[in-house]
């Protein structure tokens, strides 16, 4: 009979990794508290540290895309305003 592996949610992994990074408790203490092997905690901690830079780089590129979208929207608003004013003048005549 084989033992089924436990699947942990990404939220749980992030929580444990953050607690491990804080360093208030040792890895063996965390392993005992959460019932996880210390190697697994170290692995999640390493993944969080390695992927933190990617998280920030995605946000900065998303901010640039958002800025471009805002510029496009302002351009469209300006164009629509000009068209509305033109049509309003034509209706008045």
N, C-alpha and C. Protein backbone atom coordinates (compact mmCIF):
# COMPACT_ATOMS: atom_id res chain seq x y z
N UNK A 1 0.84 -1.17 0.00
CA UNK A 1 0.00 0.00 0.00
C UNK A 1 0.89 1.24 0.00
N UNK A 2 0.65 2.14 -0.95
CA UNK A 2 1.48 3.34 -1.03
C UNK A 2 0.80 4.48 -0.27
N UNK A 3 1.63 5.33 0.28
CA UNK A 3 1.13 6.49 1.02
C UNK A 3 0.87 7.63 0.04
N UNK A 4 -0.31 8.22 0.12
CA UNK A 4 -0.66 9.32 -0.78
C UNK A 4 0.02 10.60 -0.30
N UNK A 5 0.56 11.36 -1.25
CA UNK A 5 1.22 12.61 -0.92
C UNK A 5 0.19 13.67 -0.58
N UNK A 6 0.52 14.48 0.41
CA UNK A 6 -0.36 15.57 0.79
C UNK A 6 -0.15 16.73 -0.15
N UNK A 7 -1.25 17.30 -0.65
CA UNK A 7 -1.18 18.48 -1.50
C UNK A 7 -1.47 19.71 -0.64
N UNK A 8 -0.56 20.66 -0.67
CA UNK A 8 -0.73 21.88 0.11
C UNK A 8 -1.12 23.03 -0.82
N UNK A 9 -1.98 23.91 -0.32
CA UNK A 9 -2.40 25.05 -1.13
C UNK A 9 -1.24 26.04 -1.26
N UNK A 10 -1.29 26.85 -2.29
CA UNK A 10 -0.24 27.85 -2.48
C UNK A 10 -0.26 28.87 -1.34
N UNK A 11 -1.44 29.16 -0.80
CA UNK A 11 -1.54 30.09 0.33
C UNK A 11 -0.82 29.53 1.56
N UNK A 12 -1.01 28.23 1.80
CA UNK A 12 -0.36 27.59 2.94
C UNK A 12 1.16 27.59 2.76
N UNK A 13 1.61 27.26 1.55
CA UNK A 13 3.05 27.24 1.28
C UNK A 13 3.65 28.63 1.50
N UNK A 14 2.96 29.66 1.00
CA UNK A 14 3.46 31.03 1.15
C UNK A 14 3.51 31.42 2.62
N UNK A 15 2.49 31.04 3.38
CA UNK A 15 2.44 31.36 4.81
C UNK A 15 3.62 30.73 5.54
N UNK A 16 3.86 29.45 5.30
CA UNK A 16 4.95 28.75 5.97
C UNK A 16 6.30 29.32 5.54
N UNK A 17 6.45 29.61 4.25
CA UNK A 17 7.71 30.16 3.75
C UNK A 17 7.99 31.54 4.36
N UNK A 18 6.96 32.37 4.48
CA UNK A 18 7.15 33.69 5.08
C UNK A 18 7.54 33.59 6.55
N UNK A 19 6.90 32.67 7.26
CA UNK A 19 7.25 32.47 8.68
C UNK A 19 8.70 32.00 8.78
N UNK A 20 9.11 31.13 7.87
CA UNK A 20 10.49 30.63 7.87
C UNK A 20 11.47 31.75 7.57
N UNK A 21 11.12 32.63 6.63
CA UNK A 21 12.01 33.75 6.29
C UNK A 21 12.14 34.71 7.47
N UNK A 22 11.04 34.95 8.17
CA UNK A 22 11.08 35.84 9.34
C UNK A 22 12.12 35.38 10.35
N UNK A 23 12.20 34.07 10.54
CA UNK A 23 13.21 33.52 11.43
C UNK A 23 12.88 33.59 12.91
N UNK A 24 11.61 33.83 13.26
CA UNK A 24 11.22 33.85 14.67
C UNK A 24 11.33 32.47 15.29
N UNK A 25 11.15 31.44 14.46
CA UNK A 25 11.28 30.05 14.91
C UNK A 25 12.25 29.34 13.99
N UNK A 26 12.86 28.30 14.50
CA UNK A 26 13.79 27.52 13.67
C UNK A 26 12.98 26.65 12.70
N UNK A 27 13.65 26.17 11.67
CA UNK A 27 13.00 25.29 10.70
C UNK A 27 12.48 24.02 11.38
N UNK A 28 13.26 23.38 12.28
CA UNK A 28 12.71 22.20 12.96
C UNK A 28 11.47 22.51 13.81
N UNK A 29 11.43 23.70 14.42
CA UNK A 29 10.24 24.08 15.19
C UNK A 29 9.03 24.24 14.27
N UNK A 30 9.24 24.88 13.12
CA UNK A 30 8.15 25.04 12.16
C UNK A 30 7.69 23.69 11.62
N UNK A 31 8.66 22.81 11.36
CA UNK A 31 8.32 21.48 10.85
C UNK A 31 7.44 20.74 11.85
N UNK A 32 7.78 20.84 13.13
CA UNK A 32 6.98 20.17 14.16
C UNK A 32 5.59 20.81 14.27
N UNK A 33 5.53 22.14 14.18
CA UNK A 33 4.25 22.82 14.33
C UNK A 33 3.30 22.50 13.18
N UNK A 34 3.81 22.50 11.95
CA UNK A 34 2.96 22.29 10.79
C UNK A 34 2.92 20.84 10.31
N UNK A 35 3.76 19.97 10.89
CA UNK A 35 3.77 18.56 10.49
C UNK A 35 4.33 18.36 9.09
N UNK A 36 5.36 19.13 8.77
CA UNK A 36 5.97 19.08 7.45
C UNK A 36 7.46 18.78 7.63
N UNK A 37 8.04 18.09 6.69
CA UNK A 37 9.47 17.81 6.76
C UNK A 37 10.27 19.10 6.59
N UNK A 38 11.33 19.29 7.36
CA UNK A 38 12.14 20.51 7.27
C UNK A 38 12.65 20.80 5.85
N UNK A 39 12.96 19.76 5.10
CA UNK A 39 13.44 19.95 3.73
C UNK A 39 12.37 20.63 2.87
N UNK A 40 11.11 20.27 3.10
CA UNK A 40 10.01 20.87 2.35
C UNK A 40 9.89 22.36 2.67
N UNK A 41 10.03 22.70 3.94
CA UNK A 41 9.96 24.12 4.34
C UNK A 41 11.10 24.90 3.70
N UNK A 42 12.30 24.35 3.73
CA UNK A 42 13.44 25.02 3.10
C UNK A 42 13.23 25.19 1.60
N UNK A 43 12.62 24.21 0.97
CA UNK A 43 12.35 24.29 -0.46
C UNK A 43 11.36 25.42 -0.76
N UNK A 44 10.27 25.52 0.01
CA UNK A 44 9.29 26.59 -0.19
C UNK A 44 9.92 27.96 0.07
N UNK A 45 10.75 28.02 1.10
CA UNK A 45 11.43 29.27 1.43
C UNK A 45 12.33 29.71 0.27
N UNK A 46 13.09 28.79 -0.27
CA UNK A 46 13.99 29.08 -1.40
C UNK A 46 13.18 29.54 -2.62
N UNK A 47 12.06 28.85 -2.90
CA UNK A 47 11.22 29.22 -4.05
C UNK A 47 10.66 30.63 -3.89
N UNK A 48 10.23 30.96 -2.68
CA UNK A 48 9.68 32.29 -2.44
C UNK A 48 10.74 33.36 -2.66
N UNK A 49 11.92 33.14 -2.16
CA UNK A 49 13.01 34.11 -2.31
C UNK A 49 13.38 34.27 -3.78
N UNK A 50 13.50 33.15 -4.49
CA UNK A 50 13.89 33.19 -5.91
C UNK A 50 12.83 33.86 -6.78
N UNK A 51 11.57 33.65 -6.47
CA UNK A 51 10.50 34.17 -7.31
C UNK A 51 10.04 35.56 -6.90
N UNK A 52 10.55 36.10 -5.81
CA UNK A 52 10.16 37.44 -5.37
C UNK A 52 10.56 38.48 -6.40
N UNK A 53 11.73 38.36 -6.99
CA UNK A 53 12.19 39.33 -7.98
C UNK A 53 11.28 39.31 -9.20
N UNK A 54 10.82 38.13 -9.62
CA UNK A 54 9.91 38.02 -10.76
C UNK A 54 8.59 38.71 -10.47
N UNK A 55 8.13 38.60 -9.25
CA UNK A 55 6.88 39.23 -8.86
C UNK A 55 6.96 40.74 -9.07
N UNK A 56 8.06 41.34 -8.64
CA UNK A 56 8.21 42.77 -8.76
C UNK A 56 8.46 43.18 -10.21
N UNK A 57 9.16 42.37 -10.98
CA UNK A 57 9.41 42.72 -12.37
C UNK A 57 8.12 42.65 -13.17
N UNK A 58 7.24 41.72 -12.87
CA UNK A 58 5.94 41.65 -13.55
C UNK A 58 5.11 42.88 -13.22
N UNK A 59 5.13 43.31 -11.96
CA UNK A 59 4.34 44.48 -11.57
C UNK A 59 4.83 45.73 -12.27
N UNK A 60 6.13 45.89 -12.41
CA UNK A 60 6.63 47.10 -13.06
C UNK A 60 6.30 47.09 -14.54
N UNK A 61 6.34 45.93 -15.20
CA UNK A 61 5.97 45.89 -16.61
C UNK A 61 4.47 46.07 -16.76
N UNK A 62 3.68 45.58 -15.82
CA UNK A 62 2.24 45.78 -15.88
C UNK A 62 1.92 47.26 -15.70
N UNK A 63 2.69 47.94 -14.86
CA UNK A 63 2.50 49.36 -14.67
C UNK A 63 2.77 50.14 -15.94
N UNK A 64 3.77 49.74 -16.70
CA UNK A 64 4.08 50.40 -17.97
C UNK A 64 2.94 50.18 -18.95
N UNK A 65 2.42 48.94 -19.01
CA UNK A 65 1.30 48.65 -19.90
C UNK A 65 0.08 49.45 -19.48
N UNK A 66 -0.14 49.57 -18.20
CA UNK A 66 -1.27 50.34 -17.69
C UNK A 66 -1.13 51.81 -18.07
N UNK A 67 0.08 52.34 -18.01
CA UNK A 67 0.32 53.72 -18.40
C UNK A 67 0.03 53.93 -19.88
N UNK A 68 0.40 52.97 -20.70
CA UNK A 68 0.11 53.07 -22.13
C UNK A 68 -1.40 53.03 -22.36
N UNK A 69 -2.09 52.19 -21.65
CA UNK A 69 -3.54 52.10 -21.78
C UNK A 69 -4.19 53.41 -21.36
N UNK A 70 -3.71 54.01 -20.30
CA UNK A 70 -4.24 55.29 -19.84
C UNK A 70 -4.03 56.37 -20.89
N UNK A 71 -2.85 56.39 -21.50
CA UNK A 71 -2.59 57.36 -22.57
C UNK A 71 -3.53 57.14 -23.74
N UNK A 72 -3.76 55.89 -24.10
CA UNK A 72 -4.68 55.59 -25.20
C UNK A 72 -6.10 56.06 -24.86
N UNK A 73 -6.52 55.83 -23.63
CA UNK A 73 -7.86 56.26 -23.22
C UNK A 73 -7.99 57.77 -23.25
N UNK A 74 -6.96 58.48 -22.79
CA UNK A 74 -7.01 59.95 -22.83
C UNK A 74 -7.10 60.44 -24.27
N UNK A 75 -6.39 59.80 -25.17
CA UNK A 75 -6.44 60.18 -26.59
C UNK A 75 -7.84 59.97 -27.14
N UNK A 76 -8.46 58.83 -26.82
CA UNK A 76 -9.82 58.55 -27.31
C UNK A 76 -10.82 59.54 -26.70
N UNK A 77 -10.66 59.84 -25.43
CA UNK A 77 -11.56 60.81 -24.80
C UNK A 77 -11.45 62.17 -25.49
N UNK A 78 -10.23 62.59 -25.78
CA UNK A 78 -10.04 63.85 -26.49
C UNK A 78 -10.69 63.83 -27.85
N UNK A 79 -10.52 62.75 -28.57
CA UNK A 79 -11.12 62.63 -29.91
C UNK A 79 -12.64 62.67 -29.82
N UNK A 80 -13.22 61.95 -28.87
CA UNK A 80 -14.67 61.93 -28.72
C UNK A 80 -15.21 63.30 -28.32
N UNK A 81 -14.46 64.02 -27.49
CA UNK A 81 -14.87 65.36 -27.09
C UNK A 81 -14.93 66.28 -28.29
N UNK A 82 -13.90 66.23 -29.14
CA UNK A 82 -13.87 67.06 -30.36
C UNK A 82 -15.05 66.70 -31.26
N UNK A 83 -15.32 65.42 -31.45
CA UNK A 83 -16.43 65.00 -32.30
C UNK A 83 -17.76 65.45 -31.73
N UNK A 84 -17.93 65.33 -30.43
CA UNK A 84 -19.18 65.74 -29.79
C UNK A 84 -19.40 67.24 -29.97
N UNK A 85 -18.33 68.03 -29.74
CA UNK A 85 -18.45 69.48 -29.92
C UNK A 85 -18.79 69.83 -31.36
N UNK A 86 -18.17 69.15 -32.31
CA UNK A 86 -18.44 69.39 -33.74
C UNK A 86 -19.91 69.11 -34.06
N UNK A 87 -20.40 67.95 -33.58
CA UNK A 87 -21.78 67.58 -33.87
C UNK A 87 -22.77 68.50 -33.17
N UNK A 88 -22.43 68.94 -31.96
CA UNK A 88 -23.31 69.87 -31.24
C UNK A 88 -23.43 71.18 -32.00
N UNK A 89 -22.32 71.68 -32.57
CA UNK A 89 -22.34 72.92 -33.35
C UNK A 89 -23.18 72.74 -34.61
N UNK A 90 -23.06 71.59 -35.28
CA UNK A 90 -23.82 71.33 -36.49
C UNK A 90 -25.33 71.26 -36.20
N UNK A 91 -25.71 70.69 -35.04
CA UNK A 91 -27.12 70.60 -34.68
C UNK A 91 -27.70 71.98 -34.36
N UNK A 92 -26.89 72.87 -33.80
CA UNK A 92 -27.36 74.21 -33.45
C UNK A 92 -27.62 75.04 -34.69
N UNK A 93 -26.99 74.78 -35.80
CA UNK A 93 -27.12 75.60 -37.02
C UNK A 93 -28.27 75.16 -37.79
